[in-house]
């Protein structure tokens, strides 16, 4: 039986307290902004001075933190088989899928370009199920944190330095939103509408894909990242109930005390994160549904 090497990210940050590091946020939608916002807060708490870099930057002799998220994986159908290019083309998804693939390759390129000449590279809690060739050859100065058990198993099976893979919760869970909690009213229906990864759920008429609604970015501006995260949280906080297959809408809603139904997404991420980090939250339930009309709850 596999023994999971669990760690609280604060243990890692404690080792870097008062130091200077380089931080490359994971680009993406408002969910990625929420992760980056929490990361900036944690750096501040530990008096860590961060030089913000991007995916095209190359640095030397530094401790490099790569922002958590989900760019190091492939989308899978419910049968856990990668979607073929032909299937994507027939479904009209090829353009958006190419854009996603370009982002993922940029992430790997960034890691390759920076891994040898720096003190260490720390991949903050991530979902990973691809790029086996890269992970089979990473040197011992790279530490990888996975935000759920399936990614941990994947990386642990192939990485040469087994002690350098950790299990640690998504960084958005470190946001303390208790002071913002209010009852709210009504129901927020927030399901994915992006072509590459949306499921076949029949979208409610009042559906709003908040993660797309608030835009996408590189999240390399701390002030802007904070502003977008605030608006994202503020919108969610208006409601009492939330139905969503957007992971970070569910995380924010759960932390705000909302009654959340987290639906399955196009691959295992939502269920895996729920099982590891959300199952014990009494106000969040997982619904294993990816098609048809929303089940009566």
Protein backbone atom coordinates (compact mmCIF):
# COMPACT_ATOMS: atom_id res chain seq x y z
CA UNK A 1 0.00 0.00 0.00
CA UNK A 2 1.24 3.46 -0.96
CA UNK A 3 2.12 5.74 1.94
CA UNK A 4 1.27 9.30 0.98
CA UNK A 5 3.90 11.89 1.80
CA UNK A 6 1.53 14.59 3.05
CA UNK A 7 2.76 18.09 3.81
CA UNK A 8 1.26 21.42 4.77
CA UNK A 9 2.56 24.10 2.40
CA UNK A 10 3.26 26.24 5.44
CA UNK A 11 6.06 23.82 6.38
CA UNK A 12 7.75 24.62 3.07
CA UNK A 13 7.19 28.35 3.47
CA UNK A 14 8.59 28.29 7.00
CA UNK A 15 11.90 27.11 5.56
CA UNK A 16 11.95 30.15 3.27
CA UNK A 17 10.77 32.69 5.85
CA UNK A 18 12.28 36.12 5.30
CA UNK A 19 14.04 34.98 2.12
CA UNK A 20 13.75 36.08 -1.50
CA UNK A 21 12.30 33.68 -4.05
CA UNK A 22 11.08 33.77 -7.63
CA UNK A 23 7.40 33.06 -8.19
CA UNK A 24 5.80 32.17 -11.51
CA UNK A 25 1.98 32.24 -11.18
CA UNK A 26 -0.02 29.75 -13.19
CA UNK A 27 -1.92 31.68 -15.88
CA UNK A 28 -5.60 30.98 -16.43
CA UNK A 29 -9.10 31.93 -15.36
CA UNK A 30 -10.48 33.43 -12.14
CA UNK A 31 -9.93 30.13 -10.34
CA UNK A 32 -6.22 30.47 -11.05
CA UNK A 33 -6.44 34.06 -9.79
CA UNK A 34 -7.83 32.73 -6.52
CA UNK A 35 -4.88 30.34 -6.19
CA UNK A 36 -2.41 33.14 -6.92
CA UNK A 37 -4.18 35.48 -4.49
CA UNK A 38 -3.87 32.93 -1.70
CA UNK A 39 -0.22 32.34 -2.62
CA UNK A 40 0.59 36.06 -2.40
CA UNK A 41 -1.10 36.16 1.02
CA UNK A 42 0.96 33.22 2.24
CA UNK A 43 4.20 34.81 1.04
CA UNK A 44 3.24 37.96 2.93
CA UNK A 45 2.49 36.00 6.10
CA UNK A 46 5.97 34.45 5.99
CA UNK A 47 7.71 37.69 4.98
CA UNK A 48 8.87 36.03 1.77
CA UNK A 49 9.98 38.54 -0.85
CA UNK A 50 9.00 37.32 -4.28
CA UNK A 51 10.26 38.40 -7.67
CA UNK A 52 7.41 37.65 -10.06
CA UNK A 53 8.48 35.94 -13.27
CA UNK A 54 6.62 34.55 -16.28
CA UNK A 55 6.67 31.34 -18.29
CA UNK A 56 9.20 32.72 -20.77
CA UNK A 57 11.66 33.89 -18.12
CA UNK A 58 14.91 32.12 -17.24
CA UNK A 59 16.60 32.78 -13.89
CA UNK A 60 19.70 31.41 -12.20
CA UNK A 61 20.71 30.52 -8.67
CA UNK A 62 17.23 31.05 -7.20
CA UNK A 63 14.52 29.21 -5.32
CA UNK A 64 11.74 29.09 -7.89
CA UNK A 65 8.10 28.49 -6.96
CA UNK A 66 5.78 27.53 -9.81
CA UNK A 67 2.12 28.35 -9.11
CA UNK A 68 -0.36 25.57 -8.48
CA UNK A 69 -3.13 24.63 -10.89
CA UNK A 70 -3.88 22.16 -13.65
CA UNK A 71 -1.78 22.80 -16.76
CA UNK A 72 0.30 19.61 -16.43
CA UNK A 73 -2.34 17.13 -17.51
CA UNK A 74 -4.57 15.98 -20.35
CA UNK A 75 -8.35 16.12 -20.37
CA UNK A 76 -9.93 12.70 -20.13
CA UNK A 77 -13.35 11.40 -20.89
CA UNK A 78 -15.33 9.66 -18.17
CA UNK A 79 -13.67 6.45 -19.34
CA UNK A 80 -10.30 8.12 -18.52
CA UNK A 81 -9.12 7.98 -22.14
CA UNK A 82 -7.47 11.04 -23.68
CA UNK A 83 -9.74 12.80 -26.17
CA UNK A 84 -8.40 12.24 -29.68
CA UNK A 85 -7.66 15.09 -32.07
CA UNK A 86 -10.27 13.68 -34.49
CA UNK A 87 -12.95 13.62 -31.79
CA UNK A 88 -12.07 17.17 -30.78
CA UNK A 89 -12.24 18.28 -34.41
CA UNK A 90 -15.65 16.69 -34.93
CA UNK A 91 -16.91 18.38 -31.79
CA UNK A 92 -15.62 21.78 -32.89
CA UNK A 93 -13.22 21.89 -29.95
CA UNK A 94 -9.89 21.75 -31.78
CA UNK A 95 -9.02 25.48 -31.60
CA UNK A 96 -9.65 25.81 -27.88
CA UNK A 97 -7.85 22.51 -27.26
CA UNK A 98 -4.80 23.70 -29.18
CA UNK A 99 -4.70 26.84 -27.04
CA UNK A 100 -4.82 24.72 -23.88
CA UNK A 101 -2.08 22.41 -25.21
CA UNK A 102 0.15 25.40 -26.00
CA UNK A 103 -0.24 26.63 -22.40
CA UNK A 104 0.68 23.22 -21.03
CA UNK A 105 3.76 22.92 -23.22
CA UNK A 106 4.78 26.43 -22.12
CA UNK A 107 4.63 25.23 -18.51
CA UNK A 108 6.92 22.29 -19.23
CA UNK A 109 9.26 24.51 -21.24
CA UNK A 110 9.51 26.91 -18.29
CA UNK A 111 10.39 24.07 -15.92
CA UNK A 112 12.96 22.61 -18.32
CA UNK A 113 14.58 26.00 -18.89
CA UNK A 114 14.98 26.68 -15.18
CA UNK A 115 15.54 23.36 -13.52
CA UNK A 116 19.32 22.91 -13.84
CA UNK A 117 20.70 26.33 -12.97
CA UNK A 118 18.58 27.08 -9.88
CA UNK A 119 18.85 25.99 -6.25
CA UNK A 120 15.42 24.40 -6.34
CA UNK A 121 12.11 24.40 -8.14
CA UNK A 122 8.96 23.83 -6.13
CA UNK A 123 5.78 23.02 -8.03
CA UNK A 124 2.95 24.17 -5.78
CA UNK A 125 -0.12 21.88 -5.43
CA UNK A 126 -1.02 20.69 -8.91
CA UNK A 127 -3.08 18.18 -10.86
CA UNK A 128 -0.70 16.14 -13.00
CA UNK A 129 -1.37 13.20 -15.31
CA UNK A 130 0.84 13.82 -18.35
CA UNK A 131 4.38 14.61 -19.52
CA UNK A 132 5.77 11.31 -18.25
CA UNK A 133 9.01 11.81 -20.17
CA UNK A 134 9.75 15.00 -18.30
CA UNK A 135 8.90 13.71 -14.83
CA UNK A 136 10.94 10.52 -15.33
CA UNK A 137 14.11 12.59 -15.64
CA UNK A 138 13.71 15.46 -13.16
CA UNK A 139 16.76 16.04 -10.96
CA UNK A 140 16.64 16.03 -7.14
CA UNK A 141 16.32 19.83 -6.85
CA UNK A 142 12.68 19.70 -8.00
CA UNK A 143 9.94 19.10 -5.46
CA UNK A 144 6.42 18.42 -6.67
CA UNK A 145 3.23 18.91 -4.70
CA UNK A 146 0.06 17.23 -5.89
CA UNK A 147 -3.35 18.43 -4.72
CA UNK A 148 -5.05 15.03 -4.79
CA UNK A 149 -4.15 11.37 -4.56
CA UNK A 150 -4.50 10.35 -8.21
CA UNK A 151 -1.93 12.91 -9.32
CA UNK A 152 0.33 11.89 -6.44
CA UNK A 153 0.14 8.24 -7.54
CA UNK A 154 0.91 9.20 -11.14
CA UNK A 155 3.98 11.27 -10.25
CA UNK A 156 5.21 8.92 -7.52
CA UNK A 157 5.18 5.99 -9.95
CA UNK A 158 7.53 7.68 -12.43
CA UNK A 159 9.66 10.26 -10.60
CA UNK A 160 13.17 8.99 -9.77
CA UNK A 161 13.31 10.80 -6.41
CA UNK A 162 10.21 9.45 -4.63
CA UNK A 163 10.79 11.57 -1.52
CA UNK A 164 10.38 14.72 -3.63
CA UNK A 165 6.68 14.22 -4.37
CA UNK A 166 4.19 15.45 -1.77
CA UNK A 167 0.45 15.47 -1.22
CA UNK A 168 -0.84 18.90 -0.24
CA UNK A 169 -4.19 20.66 -0.58
CA UNK A 170 -4.97 23.26 -3.24
CA UNK A 171 -3.66 26.65 -2.11
CA UNK A 172 -7.10 28.28 -2.36
CA UNK A 173 -8.05 26.36 0.79
CA UNK A 174 -5.67 28.60 2.76
CA UNK A 175 -7.90 31.63 2.22
CA UNK A 176 -9.66 32.60 5.46
CA UNK A 177 -13.12 33.77 4.38
CA UNK A 178 -14.90 33.31 7.70
CA UNK A 179 -15.27 37.04 8.29
CA UNK A 180 -17.13 37.36 4.98
CA UNK A 181 -19.66 34.63 5.62
CA UNK A 182 -23.30 35.60 5.15
CA UNK A 183 -26.40 33.56 4.43
CA UNK A 184 -27.19 34.90 0.96
CA UNK A 185 -30.24 33.94 -1.04
CA UNK A 186 -31.13 31.95 -4.13
CA UNK A 187 -29.05 29.52 -6.16
CA UNK A 188 -25.95 30.12 -8.25
CA UNK A 189 -25.70 27.77 -11.23
CA UNK A 190 -22.13 27.91 -12.47
CA UNK A 191 -21.13 25.31 -15.05
CA UNK A 192 -18.26 25.33 -17.52
CA UNK A 193 -18.92 26.74 -20.97
CA UNK A 194 -15.43 26.49 -22.44
CA UNK A 195 -15.43 24.19 -25.47
CA UNK A 196 -12.35 22.19 -24.57
CA UNK A 197 -13.51 20.95 -21.16
CA UNK A 198 -17.21 21.49 -20.66
CA UNK A 199 -19.33 18.43 -19.89
CA UNK A 200 -22.69 17.49 -21.41
CA UNK A 201 -24.71 18.87 -18.52
CA UNK A 202 -27.76 20.70 -19.85
CA UNK A 203 -26.97 24.24 -18.81
CA UNK A 204 -29.62 25.95 -16.67
CA UNK A 205 -31.09 29.10 -18.22
CA UNK A 206 -29.51 31.24 -15.51
CA UNK A 207 -26.08 29.62 -15.83
CA UNK A 208 -23.05 31.87 -15.48
CA UNK A 209 -19.52 30.54 -15.87
CA UNK A 210 -17.92 32.80 -13.26
CA UNK A 211 -14.40 31.58 -13.85
CA UNK A 212 -14.61 32.76 -17.46
CA UNK A 213 -16.82 35.75 -16.67
CA UNK A 214 -14.08 37.42 -14.65
CA UNK A 215 -11.57 36.85 -17.43
CA UNK A 216 -8.20 35.21 -17.69
CA UNK A 217 -4.73 36.50 -17.00
CA UNK A 218 -1.15 35.80 -16.05
CA UNK A 219 -1.84 36.91 -12.44
CA UNK A 220 1.60 38.48 -12.21
CA UNK A 221 0.15 41.72 -10.83
CA UNK A 222 -0.66 41.21 -7.16
CA UNK A 223 -3.10 44.12 -6.96
CA UNK A 224 -5.10 43.03 -10.02
CA UNK A 225 -5.11 39.42 -8.83
CA UNK A 226 -6.48 40.53 -5.47
CA UNK A 227 -9.17 42.65 -7.16
CA UNK A 228 -10.40 39.86 -9.42
CA UNK A 229 -10.42 37.41 -6.52
CA UNK A 230 -12.44 39.87 -4.42
CA UNK A 231 -15.06 40.29 -7.16
CA UNK A 232 -15.18 36.52 -7.71
CA UNK A 233 -15.74 35.88 -3.99
CA UNK A 234 -18.22 38.75 -3.66
CA UNK A 235 -20.42 37.37 -6.44
CA UNK A 236 -20.46 33.87 -4.92
CA UNK A 237 -21.24 35.29 -1.49
CA UNK A 238 -24.61 36.65 -2.66
CA UNK A 239 -26.10 33.15 -2.84
CA UNK A 240 -27.20 30.50 -0.38
CA UNK A 241 -26.90 27.48 -2.67
CA UNK A 242 -24.34 26.72 -5.38
CA UNK A 243 -24.42 24.13 -8.16
CA UNK A 244 -21.15 24.02 -10.08
CA UNK A 245 -18.51 21.96 -11.84
CA UNK A 246 -15.96 24.75 -11.43
CA UNK A 247 -13.62 23.59 -8.68
CA UNK A 248 -12.68 27.00 -7.33
CA UNK A 249 -16.26 28.24 -7.30
CA UNK A 250 -16.96 25.23 -5.08
CA UNK A 251 -13.90 25.89 -2.89
CA UNK A 252 -14.79 29.56 -2.42
CA UNK A 253 -18.43 28.67 -1.78
CA UNK A 254 -17.45 26.03 0.75
CA UNK A 255 -15.16 28.45 2.61
CA UNK A 256 -17.98 31.03 2.63
CA UNK A 257 -20.31 28.50 4.27
CA UNK A 258 -22.60 28.05 1.26
CA UNK A 259 -24.45 24.83 0.52
CA UNK A 260 -22.43 23.56 -2.43
CA UNK A 261 -23.08 20.76 -4.91
CA UNK A 262 -19.82 20.09 -6.74
CA UNK A 263 -20.47 18.20 -9.98
CA UNK A 264 -17.96 16.03 -11.83
CA UNK A 265 -15.87 17.70 -14.51
CA UNK A 266 -14.51 16.25 -17.77
CA UNK A 267 -11.86 14.21 -15.97
CA UNK A 268 -11.10 13.16 -12.40
CA UNK A 269 -10.02 16.49 -10.86
CA UNK A 270 -13.20 17.57 -9.07
CA UNK A 271 -13.89 14.22 -7.47
CA UNK A 272 -10.25 13.69 -6.49
CA UNK A 273 -9.92 17.12 -4.85
CA UNK A 274 -13.28 16.64 -3.15
CA UNK A 275 -12.22 13.26 -1.74
CA UNK A 276 -8.93 14.62 -0.41
CA UNK A 277 -9.86 18.10 0.81
CA UNK A 278 -13.62 18.65 0.85
CA UNK A 279 -15.36 15.48 1.95
CA UNK A 280 -15.23 16.55 5.60
CA UNK A 281 -16.77 19.93 4.84
CA UNK A 282 -20.36 19.38 5.90
CA UNK A 283 -21.69 21.97 3.46
CA UNK A 284 -20.18 20.49 0.27
CA UNK A 285 -21.46 17.43 -1.62
CA UNK A 286 -20.07 15.73 -4.72
CA UNK A 287 -22.50 14.87 -7.54
CA UNK A 288 -21.17 12.39 -10.09
CA UNK A 289 -23.06 13.71 -13.12
CA UNK A 290 -21.66 15.00 -16.42
CA UNK A 291 -24.67 14.92 -18.74
CA UNK A 292 -28.41 15.56 -18.91
CA UNK A 293 -30.58 17.79 -16.74
CA UNK A 294 -29.38 18.56 -13.23
CA UNK A 295 -30.50 15.86 -10.84
CA UNK A 296 -33.19 16.90 -8.37
CA UNK A 297 -31.48 17.50 -5.05
